[in-house]
Protein backbone atom coordinates (compact mmCIF):
# COMPACT_ATOMS: atom_id res chain seq x y z
CA MET A 1 88.73 64.35 106.93
CA ASP A 2 89.00 68.23 106.78
CA THR A 3 89.64 69.83 103.46
CA ALA A 4 90.84 73.28 102.70
CA VAL A 5 91.17 75.30 99.55
CA VAL A 6 94.24 77.49 99.32
CA TRP A 7 93.59 80.30 96.97
CA PHE A 8 96.92 81.72 95.68
CA ARG A 9 97.08 85.33 94.75
CA ASP A 10 100.24 87.48 95.04
CA ASP A 11 101.94 84.92 97.33
CA LEU A 12 103.40 82.45 94.81
CA ARG A 13 105.73 80.75 97.15
CA VAL A 14 106.02 77.87 99.69
CA THR A 15 108.58 79.53 102.03
CA ASP A 16 107.10 81.89 104.70
CA ASN A 17 103.59 81.55 103.19
CA SER A 18 101.32 81.25 106.46
CA THR A 19 98.27 80.75 104.12
CA LEU A 20 99.66 77.70 102.78
CA ALA A 21 101.31 76.56 106.05
CA ASP A 22 98.23 77.06 108.12
CA ALA A 23 95.97 75.24 105.76
CA VAL A 24 98.38 72.17 105.64
CA THR A 25 98.48 72.22 109.54
CA THR A 26 94.83 72.41 109.89
CA ALA A 27 93.39 70.25 107.05
CA ASP A 28 94.15 66.56 106.07
CA GLU A 29 93.76 67.41 102.45
CA ILE A 30 94.27 70.90 100.77
CA VAL A 31 93.40 72.19 97.18
CA PRO A 32 95.86 74.71 95.96
CA VAL A 33 94.24 76.83 93.33
CA TYR A 34 95.18 79.87 91.14
CA VAL A 35 92.50 81.74 89.28
CA VAL A 36 93.31 83.32 86.10
CA ASP A 37 90.88 86.31 86.20
CA PRO A 38 89.96 87.99 82.84
CA HIS A 39 89.24 91.16 84.73
CA GLU A 40 93.02 91.39 85.48
CA ARG A 41 93.64 91.99 81.82
CA GLY A 42 92.16 94.53 79.34
CA GLU A 43 92.03 98.27 79.00
CA THR A 44 91.95 100.62 81.99
CA ARG A 45 90.01 103.85 82.21
CA TYR A 46 93.31 105.67 81.47
CA GLY A 47 93.66 104.09 78.02
CA THR A 48 96.43 101.72 78.93
CA GLU A 49 96.43 97.95 79.31
CA LYS A 50 96.21 96.38 82.84
CA LEU A 51 98.66 93.58 82.07
CA GLY A 52 101.71 93.83 79.87
CA THR A 53 103.87 91.17 78.20
CA HIS A 54 106.79 91.40 80.60
CA ARG A 55 104.63 90.97 83.86
CA ALA A 56 102.61 88.27 82.21
CA ARG A 57 105.70 86.24 81.24
CA PHE A 58 107.12 86.55 84.88
CA ARG A 59 103.66 85.62 86.36
CA ARG A 60 103.58 82.55 84.19
CA GLU A 61 106.99 81.35 85.14
CA SER A 62 106.08 81.90 88.73
CA LEU A 63 103.01 79.70 88.50
CA LEU A 64 104.96 76.93 86.83
CA GLU A 65 107.60 77.05 89.46
CA LEU A 66 104.94 77.02 92.27
CA ARG A 67 103.35 74.06 90.69
CA ALA A 68 106.67 72.30 90.56
CA ALA A 69 107.38 73.07 94.31
CA LEU A 70 103.89 71.80 95.21
CA ARG A 71 104.54 68.58 93.18
CA GLU A 72 107.79 68.02 94.94
CA ARG A 73 105.71 67.85 98.26
CA GLY A 74 103.15 65.46 96.77
CA GLY A 75 100.69 68.09 95.89
CA GLU A 76 99.41 70.02 92.90
CA LEU A 77 98.43 73.54 91.80
CA PHE A 78 95.07 73.66 90.10
CA VAL A 79 94.75 76.45 87.58
CA ARG A 80 91.28 77.67 86.56
CA GLN A 81 90.08 80.59 84.46
CA GLY A 82 87.15 82.76 85.34
CA ARG A 83 85.98 85.05 88.10
CA PRO A 84 87.37 84.07 91.55
CA GLU A 85 83.90 84.57 93.16
CA THR A 86 82.62 81.86 90.82
CA VAL A 87 85.57 79.61 90.56
CA VAL A 88 86.76 79.43 94.34
CA PRO A 89 83.29 78.68 95.71
CA ASP A 90 82.71 76.09 92.89
CA ILE A 91 85.90 74.27 93.78
CA ALA A 92 85.05 74.41 97.53
CA GLY A 93 81.90 72.90 96.97
CA ARG A 94 83.16 70.13 94.64
CA VAL A 95 85.65 68.96 97.23
CA ASP A 96 83.29 69.43 100.07
CA ALA A 97 85.76 71.93 101.73
CA ASP A 98 85.58 73.11 105.22
CA ALA A 99 87.49 76.29 104.79
CA VAL A 100 89.16 78.59 102.03
CA TYR A 101 92.43 80.10 102.96
CA ALA A 102 93.63 83.14 101.04
CA GLN A 103 96.15 86.06 101.17
CA THR A 104 94.59 89.48 101.86
CA LYS A 105 95.85 92.64 100.38
CA PRO A 106 95.08 96.33 100.94
CA ALA A 107 94.59 97.21 97.30
CA THR A 108 91.00 98.14 96.51
CA GLU A 109 90.28 95.83 93.55
CA GLU A 110 91.88 92.98 95.45
CA ARG A 111 89.80 93.70 98.46
CA LYS A 112 86.65 93.80 96.32
CA VAL A 113 87.38 90.40 94.83
CA GLU A 114 88.17 89.01 98.32
CA GLY A 115 84.78 90.22 99.63
CA SER A 116 82.90 88.83 96.58
CA VAL A 117 84.48 85.38 97.23
CA ARG A 118 83.75 85.41 100.91
CA ALA A 119 79.96 86.48 100.11
CA ALA A 120 79.62 83.65 97.56
CA LEU A 121 80.79 80.99 99.95
CA PRO A 122 78.02 79.09 101.93
CA ASP A 123 77.96 79.74 105.61
CA GLU A 124 79.40 76.24 106.43
CA ILE A 125 82.74 77.13 104.62
CA ALA A 126 84.95 79.34 106.62
CA PHE A 127 87.06 81.99 105.04
CA GLU A 128 90.49 82.36 106.50
CA HIS A 129 92.61 85.33 105.33
CA ARG A 130 96.35 85.71 106.08
CA TRP A 131 98.52 88.86 105.82
CA THR A 132 101.61 87.77 103.96
CA HIS A 133 102.82 90.71 101.80
CA THR A 134 104.85 92.96 104.11
CA LEU A 135 107.92 92.81 106.45
CA TYR A 136 105.77 93.91 109.40
CA HIS A 137 102.54 92.24 110.28
CA VAL A 138 99.62 94.52 110.08
CA SER A 139 98.40 93.24 113.40
CA ASP A 140 101.67 94.07 115.21
CA LEU A 141 101.71 97.84 114.29
CA PRO A 142 102.01 99.89 117.38
CA THR A 143 99.50 102.40 115.91
CA SER A 144 96.88 100.86 113.84
CA HIS A 145 96.85 101.66 110.08
CA GLU A 146 93.64 103.78 110.59
CA ARG A 147 95.50 106.09 112.85
CA MET A 148 99.06 105.95 111.39
CA GLY A 149 100.72 109.17 110.36
CA ASP A 150 101.03 110.10 106.78
CA THR A 151 104.75 110.94 106.94
CA PHE A 152 107.26 108.25 106.53
CA THR A 153 110.12 109.12 108.85
CA PRO A 154 108.18 109.42 112.17
CA TRP A 155 106.32 106.24 111.15
CA ARG A 156 109.56 104.37 110.44
CA LYS A 157 111.17 105.43 113.84
CA GLU A 158 108.08 104.30 115.77
CA ILE A 159 107.97 100.94 113.96
CA GLU A 160 111.70 100.36 114.49
CA ARG A 161 111.45 101.31 118.12
CA GLU A 162 108.27 99.50 119.05
CA CYS A 163 107.60 96.73 116.67
CA SER A 164 109.21 93.42 116.00
CA ILE A 165 109.42 91.29 112.86
CA ARG A 166 107.88 87.82 112.96
CA GLU A 167 109.96 84.81 112.22
CA PRO A 168 109.50 83.37 108.72
CA VAL A 169 107.12 80.26 108.43
CA GLU A 170 108.80 76.95 107.28
CA PRO A 171 107.51 75.50 104.08
CA PRO A 172 105.42 72.44 104.46
CA LYS A 173 107.32 69.22 103.94
CA SER A 174 104.34 67.28 102.38
CA ILE A 175 101.09 68.10 100.84
CA SER A 176 98.10 65.90 100.12
CA THR A 177 95.70 66.99 97.31
CA PRO A 178 92.74 65.28 95.70
CA ALA A 179 92.75 63.77 92.24
CA LEU A 180 91.45 66.77 90.06
CA PRO A 181 92.44 67.99 86.60
CA ALA A 182 95.42 70.24 87.01
CA GLY A 183 94.50 72.73 84.44
CA GLY A 184 96.97 74.45 82.14
CA VAL A 185 98.99 77.63 82.89
CA PRO A 186 97.99 80.10 80.09
CA THR A 187 100.66 80.89 77.53
CA LEU A 188 101.19 84.53 76.53
CA SER A 189 99.38 83.84 73.29
CA ASP A 190 96.51 82.56 75.32
CA LEU A 191 96.33 85.88 76.95
CA GLY A 192 96.39 87.63 73.60
CA LEU A 193 100.05 88.97 74.33
CA GLU A 194 103.22 88.64 72.33
CA THR A 195 106.44 87.26 73.76
CA PRO A 196 108.64 90.09 75.24
CA PRO A 197 111.57 91.25 73.14
CA GLU A 198 115.02 90.06 73.99
CA ASP A 199 117.50 92.93 74.53
CA GLU A 200 121.08 92.43 75.45
CA ARG A 201 120.97 95.88 77.30
CA THR A 202 118.59 94.65 79.92
CA VAL A 203 119.94 94.94 83.54
CA LEU A 204 118.77 91.46 84.41
CA ALA A 205 116.88 88.59 82.81
CA PHE A 206 114.06 88.45 85.42
CA GLU A 207 113.00 84.94 85.68
CA GLY A 208 109.69 84.26 87.62
CA GLY A 209 109.48 81.97 90.53
CA GLU A 210 110.56 81.49 94.05
CA SER A 211 113.80 79.52 93.15
CA ALA A 212 114.74 82.21 90.64
CA GLY A 213 114.30 84.89 93.34
CA LYS A 214 116.30 82.94 95.82
CA ARG A 215 119.13 82.55 93.19
CA ARG A 216 119.05 86.26 92.59
CA LEU A 217 119.62 86.98 96.36
CA GLU A 218 122.42 84.34 96.44
CA ALA A 219 124.07 85.98 93.57
CA TYR A 220 123.70 89.58 94.90
CA PHE A 221 124.37 88.90 98.62
CA TRP A 222 126.68 86.01 98.80
CA GLU A 223 128.41 85.37 95.51
CA GLY A 224 128.89 89.05 94.36
CA ASP A 225 129.11 90.47 98.04
CA HIS A 226 127.17 93.62 96.91
CA LEU A 227 125.09 94.24 99.95
CA ARG A 228 128.06 95.89 101.75
CA GLU A 229 127.78 98.78 99.27
CA TYR A 230 124.11 98.83 98.49
CA LYS A 231 123.34 102.46 99.54
CA GLU A 232 126.39 103.65 97.62
CA THR A 233 125.48 101.99 94.35
CA ARG A 234 121.64 102.00 94.47
CA ASN A 235 121.27 105.06 92.25
CA GLY A 236 122.98 103.37 89.44
CA MET A 237 121.38 102.83 86.09
CA LEU A 238 123.30 100.24 84.19
CA GLY A 239 124.15 96.60 84.99
CA ALA A 240 122.66 93.99 87.15
CA ASP A 241 124.29 94.78 90.50
CA TYR A 242 123.82 98.46 91.34
CA SER A 243 120.78 97.32 93.19
CA SER A 244 119.19 94.15 94.54
CA LYS A 245 116.23 94.14 92.03
CA PHE A 246 114.26 91.91 94.23
CA SER A 247 111.06 93.93 93.45
CA PRO A 248 109.52 91.67 90.85
CA TRP A 249 109.72 88.60 93.12
CA LEU A 250 108.25 90.68 95.97
CA ALA A 251 105.47 92.09 93.94
CA ALA A 252 104.39 88.60 92.85
CA GLY A 253 104.99 87.13 96.23
CA CYS A 254 107.71 84.75 95.07
CA LEU A 255 109.93 86.07 97.90
CA SER A 256 108.88 87.03 101.41
CA PRO A 257 110.14 90.21 102.67
CA ARG A 258 110.64 88.51 106.14
CA TRP A 259 112.85 85.86 104.50
CA ILE A 260 114.84 88.61 102.69
CA TYR A 261 115.29 90.41 106.16
CA ASP A 262 116.57 87.14 107.65
CA GLU A 263 119.12 86.86 104.96
CA VAL A 264 120.26 90.61 105.59
CA ARG A 265 120.78 89.66 109.23
CA ARG A 266 122.69 86.53 108.27
CA TYR A 267 124.92 88.63 105.97
CA GLU A 268 125.35 91.16 108.67
CA ALA A 269 126.51 88.36 111.12
CA GLU A 270 128.69 86.58 108.70
CA ARG A 271 130.05 89.48 106.45
CA VAL A 272 129.51 92.98 107.53
CA SER A 273 126.85 95.20 109.19
CA ASN A 274 126.91 98.79 108.05
CA GLU A 275 124.71 101.63 106.70
CA ASP A 276 124.56 99.95 103.42
CA THR A 277 123.02 96.73 104.79
CA TYR A 278 120.54 98.65 106.80
CA TRP A 279 119.46 100.59 103.79
CA LEU A 280 118.05 97.53 102.10
CA VAL A 281 115.84 97.00 105.16
CA PHE A 282 114.89 100.76 105.01
CA GLU A 283 113.65 100.21 101.60
CA LEU A 284 111.49 97.29 102.61
CA LEU A 285 110.02 99.64 105.31
CA TRP A 286 109.27 102.24 102.60
CA ARG A 287 107.45 99.45 100.58
CA ASP A 288 105.52 98.53 103.88
CA PHE A 289 104.54 102.14 104.45
CA PHE A 290 102.67 102.30 101.20
CA GLN A 291 101.00 98.93 101.84
CA PHE A 292 99.68 100.21 105.24
CA GLN A 293 98.77 103.69 103.64
CA PHE A 294 96.55 101.72 101.22
CA CYS A 295 94.84 100.15 104.10
CA LYS A 296 94.12 103.64 105.53
CA TYR A 297 93.13 105.49 102.36
CA GLY A 298 92.11 102.94 99.74
CA ALA A 299 90.62 104.36 96.66
CA GLN A 300 91.69 107.96 97.48
CA PHE A 301 95.02 107.02 96.01
CA PHE A 302 93.39 106.99 92.59
CA HIS A 303 91.72 110.42 92.94
CA PRO A 304 93.25 113.20 90.72
CA ASN A 305 94.53 115.06 93.81
CA GLY A 306 95.35 111.86 95.71
CA ILE A 307 95.20 111.97 99.53
CA ARG A 308 95.90 115.51 99.94
CA ASP A 309 93.49 118.45 100.45
CA ILE A 310 94.65 120.42 97.42
CA GLU A 311 93.43 121.18 93.87
CA LYS A 312 95.64 120.64 90.91
CA ALA A 313 94.48 121.08 87.24
CA TRP A 314 95.92 118.27 85.18
CA GLU A 315 96.21 118.20 81.48
CA HIS A 316 94.85 115.27 79.36
CA ASP A 317 96.74 115.65 76.09
CA ARG A 318 96.91 112.19 74.63
CA GLU A 319 99.56 113.21 71.93
CA THR A 320 101.75 114.69 74.60
CA PHE A 321 101.29 111.64 76.79
CA GLU A 322 102.25 109.31 73.88
CA ARG A 323 105.46 111.07 73.15
CA TRP A 324 106.38 110.61 76.81
CA ALA A 325 105.33 106.97 76.88
CA ASN A 326 107.26 106.17 73.61
CA GLY A 327 110.36 108.04 74.65
CA GLU A 328 110.21 110.72 72.00
CA THR A 329 110.21 113.85 74.18
CA GLY A 330 113.50 115.19 72.88
CA ILE A 331 114.79 115.12 76.53
CA PRO A 332 117.51 112.38 76.35
CA PHE A 333 117.31 111.25 79.89
CA VAL A 334 113.54 110.78 79.98
CA ASP A 335 113.66 109.13 76.49
CA ALA A 336 116.39 106.66 77.56
CA ASN A 337 114.38 105.59 80.70
CA MET A 338 111.16 105.15 78.82
CA ARG A 339 112.95 103.14 76.02
CA GLU A 340 114.40 100.79 78.65
CA LEU A 341 110.97 100.33 80.45
CA ASN A 342 109.35 99.55 77.00
CA ARG A 343 111.96 97.14 75.92
CA THR A 344 112.69 95.30 79.21
CA GLY A 345 109.97 95.95 81.59
CA TYR A 346 112.26 97.55 84.11
CA MET A 347 113.64 100.93 85.12
CA SER A 348 115.78 102.18 87.91
CA ASN A 349 114.45 103.90 90.93
CA ARG A 350 116.32 107.08 89.71
CA GLY A 351 114.75 106.85 86.35
CA ARG A 352 111.27 106.36 87.73
CA GLN A 353 111.48 109.50 89.84
CA ASN A 354 112.65 111.54 86.86
CA VAL A 355 110.19 110.33 84.22
CA ALA A 356 107.38 110.75 86.68
CA SER A 357 108.39 114.27 87.58
CA PHE A 358 108.76 115.14 83.97
CA LEU A 359 105.23 113.87 83.00
CA ALA A 360 103.56 115.54 86.10
CA ASP A 361 105.61 118.67 86.93
CA ALA A 362 107.09 119.68 83.62
CA LEU A 363 104.21 118.57 81.29
CA GLY A 364 101.40 118.85 83.75
CA ILE A 365 99.89 115.57 82.51
CA ASP A 366 97.60 113.72 84.82
CA TRP A 367 99.84 111.52 86.93
CA ARG A 368 97.50 108.75 86.89
CA TRP A 369 97.97 108.24 83.35
CA GLY A 370 101.71 107.65 83.98
CA ALA A 371 101.00 105.35 86.97
CA ALA A 372 98.55 103.27 84.75
CA TYR A 373 101.24 103.03 82.04
CA PHE A 374 103.76 101.70 84.74
CA GLU A 375 101.12 99.17 85.71
CA GLU A 376 101.03 97.80 82.15
CA ARG A 377 104.70 97.93 81.52
CA LEU A 378 106.62 97.08 84.72
CA VAL A 379 107.68 93.56 85.45
CA ASP A 380 107.55 94.47 89.15
CA TYR A 381 104.28 96.33 89.34
CA ASP A 382 102.80 96.42 92.78
CA VAL A 383 99.59 98.33 93.42
CA ALA A 384 100.50 100.17 96.58
CA SER A 385 104.23 100.75 95.72
CA ASN A 386 103.34 102.03 92.22
CA TRP A 387 100.47 104.35 92.94
CA GLY A 388 101.81 105.60 96.19
CA ASN A 389 105.12 106.45 94.71
CA TRP A 390 103.41 108.23 91.72
CA ALA A 391 101.28 110.24 94.11
CA TYR A 392 104.20 111.05 96.08
CA GLN A 393 106.10 112.33 93.06
CA ALA A 394 103.23 114.23 91.75
CA GLY A 395 102.75 116.19 94.98
CA VAL A 396 99.45 114.55 95.94
CA GLY A 397 100.57 111.73 98.26
CA ASN A 398 102.65 111.04 101.27
CA ASP A 399 105.63 113.05 102.32
CA SER A 400 104.66 114.97 99.28
CA ARG A 401 107.38 117.04 97.48
CA ASP A 402 106.34 120.42 96.76
CA ASN A 403 109.18 120.59 94.16
CA TYR A 404 110.19 118.76 91.04
CA PHE A 405 113.07 116.72 89.74
CA ASP A 406 115.17 118.73 87.48
CA VAL A 407 115.91 116.02 84.87
CA LEU A 408 118.79 117.89 83.41
CA SER A 409 120.79 118.26 86.53
CA GLN A 410 119.78 114.86 87.51
CA ALA A 411 121.10 113.40 84.31
CA GLU A 412 124.35 115.31 84.55
CA TYR A 413 124.91 114.12 88.05
CA TYR A 414 123.79 110.43 87.67
CA ASP A 415 124.97 110.00 84.06
CA ALA A 416 127.85 112.35 83.82
CA ASP A 417 129.47 110.73 80.95
CA GLY A 418 126.26 110.07 79.13
CA GLU A 419 126.76 106.17 79.10
CA TYR A 420 123.24 105.38 80.15
CA VAL A 421 121.64 107.83 77.66
CA THR A 422 123.72 106.54 74.79
CA THR A 423 123.07 102.87 75.63
CA TRP A 424 119.25 103.42 75.07
CA ARG A 425 119.51 106.31 72.55
CA PRO A 426 122.57 105.26 70.54
CA GLU A 427 121.88 108.01 67.90
CA LEU A 428 123.44 110.38 70.42
CA GLU A 429 126.59 108.25 70.95
CA GLY A 430 128.86 110.60 68.96
CA LEU A 431 128.01 113.58 71.11
CA PRO A 432 130.44 115.04 73.71
CA SER A 433 129.15 114.97 77.38
CA ALA A 434 128.50 118.72 77.12
CA PHE A 435 125.66 118.04 74.73
CA VAL A 436 124.56 114.58 75.30
CA HIS A 437 121.89 115.58 77.79
CA ARG A 438 121.10 118.94 76.05
CA PRO A 439 121.45 118.29 72.36
CA TRP A 440 119.26 121.34 71.53
CA ARG A 441 122.17 123.51 72.31
CA LEU A 442 124.00 122.09 69.27
CA SER A 443 124.40 124.59 66.54
CA ASP A 444 123.70 123.59 62.80
CA GLU A 445 127.44 123.28 62.35
CA GLN A 446 127.93 121.15 65.40
CA GLN A 447 124.95 118.91 64.36
CA ALA A 448 126.66 118.27 61.08
CA THR A 449 130.08 117.64 62.78
CA TYR A 450 128.63 115.03 65.15
CA GLY A 451 126.16 113.57 62.70
CA VAL A 452 123.14 114.22 64.77
CA GLU A 453 120.38 116.23 62.98
CA LEU A 454 117.73 117.31 65.45
CA GLY A 455 114.23 116.57 64.16
CA VAL A 456 115.71 113.92 61.97
CA ASP A 457 118.12 111.68 63.87
CA TYR A 458 116.65 112.70 67.34
CA PRO A 459 113.61 114.55 68.17
CA ARG A 460 113.53 118.27 68.97
CA PRO A 461 112.55 118.86 72.51
CA MET A 462 108.70 118.91 72.89
CA ILE A 463 109.06 121.83 75.46
CA ASP A 464 111.71 124.28 76.34
CA ILE A 465 112.61 122.46 79.48
CA GLU A 466 115.13 124.92 80.78
CA ALA A 467 112.45 127.83 80.57
CA ARG A 468 109.99 125.54 82.17
CA TYR A 469 112.12 124.98 85.13
CA GLU A 470 112.77 128.72 85.43
CA GLU A 471 108.86 129.08 85.46
CA LEU A 472 108.51 126.36 88.21
CA ASP A 473 111.27 128.13 90.27
CA SER A 474 109.53 131.58 90.05
């Protein structure tokens, strides 16, 4: 009887999971295992925590959902705590496994852990890795990741012209697992974390797990019929349906991008096919691009100057950084977005671009501090997407912008009436739209009239942002 260990990582699903499907096809008995690694928690070298409460809650719910899905098929998810290079070989030895199946990812720490597990396995146990995190398979790229270009648009056009997307893999109908102690999925308190706050202003109650992800797609595509206007609304900032918000389920691997792509094609066949429906696929390609760029550059993405041959001098002022992180900069659009992130674990794409530009361009703070803070706080943190986009915004990554986001003009365009800012900074609610994004222009008399005293009710701006942008333009 052949036995295979299936080591789950960021692929917490049964649908379109070739790691699981191939193991079930090959072996008579499989041992699905998830390892709670203590090295995925704790403080980073940037002074932030690696794992925050929002993502930890989502991961816990996803594991419970995965366990339920495996049990429905007669199987089990065995949860263990420790270092994967110790736990996985130990389990493989205990069940006399013939092979270990696992997802492979391009991120540097994940690759290092994978290599350590492979090295710790005895020669008679095969290690079978599967690529399951992207829309396009790495083996199908017309130009290998080592030689791919660093600019998105030419790469995208080549991919769309010369590459096809594989069909999703069906989930296994039944699974046979040995009689072993299942192990408990750690609670947040077990991990030393508090329960995330509940806030009625959150755009969506992100519930972990494959079923929850599929329900979200059902609600967004089929019940709400929002995909037909996706490109038009995707830069919104309030409410559940201005964008798909699939990113948390993609990051944890609860949803497969290929499965989402199939649903887009079904929607196009049954409802409408237009630029908006294409744009969701376009953004899956943007996500793919950074995954493959991490294959190419790896740890270079964590250098101060990223993957570019330039020299930038970054500031390392902790007090300035903390004001940004806490949403106390005195620039309402920045502060509102950071408040939303801290309370809910989520921020719109438009918000992410603006707060990143403010930190790196206007304040000159090391962009890696911001990327690491997002790693702690975001419910949808993905290594390649997060660090790739931050490097891009800081001018040290792909398609790099040699310009900045003017957070004032961005605020006045995307939040013209100030509804977003006043939702998250309600102390500014009484201000007319002329002042809500630039409260420092209020005279003392106007502050008294509108009941907003700068430095008391709302912080004075930490820098003269208008003068700073003039300086950057000169």
